[in-house]
Amino acid sequence: MSKNPLLKNIRVLTRSTIADQVYIDIKERILDQTLKPSERLTIENLSRSLGVSSSPIREALTRLESEKLVVSEFYTGYSVAPAPDPKYLRDLLDFRIMLEGECAIIGAPKKNHDTLAAMSSAFENMAKTKRLGTRYREYDNFIAEDIKFHQAIVASSENLAMIEIYSKLNAILHQSRLYISRSTDGSPAEEVMLEHHQILAAFVNGDSKAAASAIKLHLNGGKRRLLKINS
């Protein structure tokens, strides 16, 4: 008797869902620092803690390593990535000013429908956030939309090298590792939303100079806010 292909699809979907959930659970523990920076990770302990087999654990760790939240060494295995160095984060923001600013100069005048739609959708979803706390589950949706917003800026350049380089930075995710130390009333900062709005408006108007200036203002503001969090 041949196997029912529908049942096969159900098994694949279930396995994928488990792997995704394990990835989210470990990521949450890292960003909330339940798993401390540089803490060693063993597949056996994670498997027992999460109540799953080793296979989805390995998949999750591979994904987290690609996001630079986990590091691996040949003899010692996996560990949580060290805490972001403040100088590195400052340098990263300076690099983003150059990269995103150049992409804006190229992309804004095109007034590409897909670019504007992606940026507008991400901005609207960020604006819907009513509470932006210090725990990963409280800010994960906001961060996801923020990432989409800035990815759209870079993609607007249609420069494959710039797009690839930016995708490997995981810049916004790294900055979010400091949120655990943030003092906040829970809502997204008005100045952050205003900065995004200024960037979006410049793209809508096709104004490359205004777009690059708005990006520089936003990322320099991010640098100032990070220094405040880390002080």
Protein backbone atom coordinates (compact mmCIF):
# COMPACT_ATOMS: atom_id res chain seq x y z
CA MET A 1 0.00 0.00 0.00
CA SER A 2 1.40 3.40 -0.95
CA LYS A 3 1.75 6.06 1.70
CA ASN A 4 -0.72 8.88 1.73
CA PRO A 5 1.19 11.99 0.50
CA LEU A 6 -1.01 14.22 2.66
CA LEU A 7 0.22 12.47 5.80
CA LYS A 8 3.80 12.98 4.67
CA ASN A 9 3.16 16.71 4.27
CA ILE A 10 1.67 16.88 7.76
CA ARG A 11 4.76 15.29 9.27
CA VAL A 12 7.06 17.71 7.46
CA LEU A 13 4.99 20.68 8.61
CA THR A 14 4.97 19.47 12.22
CA ARG A 15 8.73 19.00 12.25
CA SER A 16 9.27 22.43 10.74
CA THR A 17 6.99 24.03 13.31
CA ILE A 18 8.87 22.39 16.18
CA ALA A 19 12.22 23.55 14.76
CA ASP A 20 10.92 27.10 14.41
CA GLN A 21 9.58 27.14 17.96
CA VAL A 22 12.84 25.81 19.37
CA TYR A 23 14.70 28.52 17.46
CA ILE A 24 12.38 31.21 18.89
CA ASP A 25 12.66 29.82 22.44
CA ILE A 26 16.47 29.77 22.44
CA LYS A 27 16.63 33.18 20.77
CA GLU A 28 14.34 34.58 23.46
CA ARG A 29 16.52 33.16 26.22
CA ILE A 30 19.61 34.73 24.66
CA LEU A 31 18.08 38.18 24.15
CA ASP A 32 16.53 38.17 27.63
CA GLN A 33 19.88 36.95 29.00
CA THR A 34 18.35 33.90 30.65
CA LEU A 35 21.23 32.38 28.75
CA LYS A 36 24.12 34.68 29.61
CA PRO A 37 26.64 36.09 27.11
CA SER A 38 29.47 33.59 26.51
CA GLU A 39 27.57 30.83 28.37
CA ARG A 40 28.29 27.39 26.98
CA LEU A 41 25.38 25.63 25.28
CA THR A 42 25.09 21.87 25.22
CA ILE A 43 22.64 20.14 22.95
CA GLU A 44 21.86 17.61 25.67
CA ASN A 45 20.89 20.28 28.22
CA LEU A 46 18.84 22.28 25.73
CA SER A 47 17.11 19.14 24.53
CA ARG A 48 16.15 18.22 28.09
CA SER A 49 15.11 21.79 28.96
CA LEU A 50 12.90 22.21 25.90
CA GLY A 51 11.63 18.64 25.82
CA VAL A 52 12.62 17.95 22.22
CA SER A 53 15.10 15.77 20.38
CA SER A 54 18.56 16.96 19.40
CA SER A 55 17.66 17.52 15.73
CA PRO A 56 15.60 20.76 16.11
CA ILE A 57 18.17 21.98 18.66
CA ARG A 58 20.95 21.63 16.09
CA GLU A 59 18.84 23.38 13.45
CA ALA A 60 18.10 26.25 15.82
CA LEU A 61 21.74 26.68 16.82
CA THR A 62 22.78 26.78 13.17
CA ARG A 63 20.25 29.54 12.48
CA LEU A 64 21.30 31.48 15.57
CA GLU A 65 24.95 31.17 14.58
CA SER A 66 24.12 32.72 11.19
CA GLU A 67 22.56 35.63 13.12
CA LYS A 68 25.71 35.90 15.26
CA LEU A 69 23.78 35.27 18.47
CA VAL A 70 25.61 31.97 18.94
CA VAL A 71 29.22 31.04 18.22
CA SER A 72 30.78 27.63 17.76
CA GLU A 73 34.30 26.29 18.12
CA PHE A 74 35.60 22.95 16.98
CA TYR A 75 36.50 21.50 20.38
CA THR A 76 34.20 23.37 22.77
CA GLY A 77 30.96 23.39 20.77
CA TYR A 78 28.36 26.13 20.96
CA SER A 79 28.13 29.10 23.29
CA VAL A 80 26.13 32.32 23.49
CA ALA A 81 27.85 35.11 21.60
CA PRO A 82 29.63 37.61 23.86
CA ALA A 83 27.78 40.80 24.72
CA PRO A 84 28.02 43.40 21.95
CA ASP A 85 31.01 45.67 22.40
CA PRO A 86 29.92 49.34 22.61
CA LYS A 87 32.67 50.42 20.21
CA TYR A 88 31.62 47.77 17.71
CA LEU A 89 28.01 48.94 17.90
CA ARG A 90 29.09 52.56 17.34
CA ASP A 91 31.22 51.49 14.39
CA LEU A 92 28.33 49.41 13.07
CA LEU A 93 26.02 52.41 13.15
CA ASP A 94 28.63 54.53 11.37
CA PHE A 95 28.87 51.86 8.69
CA ARG A 96 25.10 51.76 8.37
CA ILE A 97 25.03 55.53 7.87
CA MET A 98 27.39 55.14 4.93
CA LEU A 99 25.69 52.07 3.46
CA GLU A 100 22.03 53.02 3.96
CA GLY A 101 22.74 56.62 3.02
CA GLU A 102 24.28 55.58 -0.27
CA CYS A 103 21.40 53.19 -0.95
CA ALA A 104 18.94 56.01 -0.28
CA ILE A 105 20.75 58.30 -2.72
CA ILE A 106 20.40 55.60 -5.37
CA GLY A 107 16.96 54.28 -4.44
CA ALA A 108 14.87 57.23 -3.30
CA PRO A 109 14.66 58.96 -6.72
CA LYS A 110 13.30 55.75 -8.26
CA LYS A 111 10.10 56.02 -6.18
CA ASN A 112 9.71 52.28 -6.66
CA HIS A 113 6.21 51.09 -5.75
CA ASP A 114 7.42 47.92 -3.99
CA THR A 115 9.98 49.86 -1.95
CA LEU A 116 7.44 52.44 -0.82
CA ALA A 117 4.87 49.75 -0.04
CA ALA A 118 7.35 47.77 2.06
CA MET A 119 8.51 50.85 3.97
CA SER A 120 4.96 52.10 4.52
CA SER A 121 3.73 48.72 5.74
CA ALA A 122 6.65 48.36 8.16
CA PHE A 123 6.16 51.90 9.47
CA GLU A 124 2.43 51.37 10.02
CA ASN A 125 3.07 48.13 11.89
CA MET A 126 5.70 49.78 14.09
CA ALA A 127 3.24 52.56 14.87
CA LYS A 128 0.70 49.97 16.09
CA THR A 129 3.03 48.88 18.88
CA LYS A 130 1.49 49.98 22.16
CA ARG A 131 4.11 48.57 24.47
CA LEU A 132 7.84 48.24 23.88
CA GLY A 133 9.29 46.64 26.99
CA THR A 134 12.65 45.12 27.82
CA ARG A 135 11.75 41.47 27.18
CA TYR A 136 12.09 39.91 23.74
CA ARG A 137 8.41 38.95 23.47
CA GLU A 138 7.49 42.59 24.16
CA TYR A 139 9.56 44.03 21.33
CA ASP A 140 10.06 41.24 18.79
CA ASN A 141 7.31 42.41 16.42
CA PHE A 142 8.58 45.99 16.50
CA ILE A 143 12.13 44.82 15.76
CA ALA A 144 10.93 42.60 12.90
CA GLU A 145 9.19 45.56 11.25
CA ASP A 146 12.18 47.84 11.87
CA ILE A 147 14.37 45.30 10.09
CA LYS A 148 11.96 45.19 7.13
CA PHE A 149 11.95 49.00 6.94
CA HIS A 150 15.73 49.25 6.70
CA GLN A 151 16.05 46.23 4.42
CA ALA A 152 13.71 48.01 2.00
CA ILE A 153 16.01 51.03 2.02
CA VAL A 154 19.01 48.90 1.11
CA ALA A 155 17.05 46.86 -1.45
CA SER A 156 15.98 50.08 -3.17
CA SER A 157 19.53 50.45 -4.47
CA GLU A 158 19.16 47.20 -6.44
CA ASN A 159 22.85 46.66 -5.67
CA LEU A 160 23.25 42.95 -4.95
CA ALA A 161 26.58 43.38 -3.12
CA MET A 162 25.15 46.00 -0.75
CA ILE A 163 22.05 43.89 -0.15
CA GLU A 164 24.14 40.81 0.67
CA ILE A 165 26.50 42.70 2.99
CA TYR A 166 23.62 44.29 4.87
CA SER A 167 21.76 41.00 5.28
CA LYS A 168 24.78 39.53 7.07
CA LEU A 169 25.17 42.38 9.54
CA ASN A 170 22.12 41.48 11.67
CA ALA A 171 22.62 45.03 12.90
CA ILE A 172 19.25 45.80 14.48
CA LEU A 173 19.14 42.41 16.17
CA HIS A 174 22.54 43.04 17.78
CA GLN A 175 21.41 46.42 19.08
CA SER A 176 18.34 44.80 20.63
CA ARG A 177 20.58 42.72 22.90
CA LEU A 178 20.97 45.84 25.01
CA TYR A 179 17.22 46.27 25.53
CA ILE A 180 17.36 44.17 28.70
CA SER A 181 19.16 47.07 30.41
CA ARG A 182 16.86 49.77 29.07
CA SER A 183 14.69 51.95 31.25
CA THR A 184 11.46 52.70 29.42
CA ASP A 185 7.82 53.53 30.00
CA GLY A 186 6.95 50.74 27.58
CA SER A 187 6.00 52.64 24.44
CA PRO A 188 8.17 53.26 21.35
CA ALA A 189 10.03 56.55 21.61
CA GLU A 190 8.28 59.31 19.71
CA GLU A 191 11.56 60.51 18.28
CA VAL A 192 12.25 57.06 16.82
CA MET A 193 8.92 57.01 15.01
CA LEU A 194 9.42 60.61 13.84
CA GLU A 195 12.83 59.67 12.43
CA HIS A 196 11.31 56.76 10.51
CA HIS A 197 8.54 59.02 9.24
CA GLN A 198 11.07 61.54 7.93
CA ILE A 199 12.92 58.80 6.05
CA LEU A 200 9.68 57.48 4.57
CA ALA A 201 8.54 60.97 3.54
CA ALA A 202 11.83 61.59 1.73
CA PHE A 203 11.43 58.33 -0.21
CA VAL A 204 7.82 59.18 -1.08
CA ASN A 205 9.04 62.53 -2.44
CA GLY A 206 11.93 60.89 -4.28
CA ASP A 207 14.36 63.23 -2.49
CA SER A 208 17.71 61.46 -2.25
CA LYS A 209 19.44 64.20 -0.27
CA ALA A 210 16.65 64.42 2.32
CA ALA A 211 16.52 60.61 2.58
CA ALA A 212 20.27 60.31 3.24
CA SER A 213 20.10 63.16 5.79
CA ALA A 214 17.12 61.57 7.56
CA ILE A 215 18.91 58.23 7.74
CA LYS A 216 22.01 59.90 9.19
CA LEU A 217 19.87 61.71 11.78
CA HIS A 218 18.09 58.47 12.72
CA LEU A 219 21.21 56.33 13.07
CA ASN A 220 23.12 59.01 14.96
CA GLY A 221 20.11 59.15 17.26
CA GLY A 222 20.39 55.39 17.63
CA LYS A 223 24.03 55.78 18.58
CA ARG A 224 23.13 58.34 21.25
CA ARG A 225 20.37 56.11 22.62
CA LEU A 226 22.67 53.08 22.73
CA LEU A 227 25.32 55.03 24.63
CA LYS A 228 22.67 56.05 27.13
CA ILE A 229 21.50 52.46 27.58
CA ASN A 230 25.05 51.21 27.99
CA SER A 231 26.19 53.95 30.40
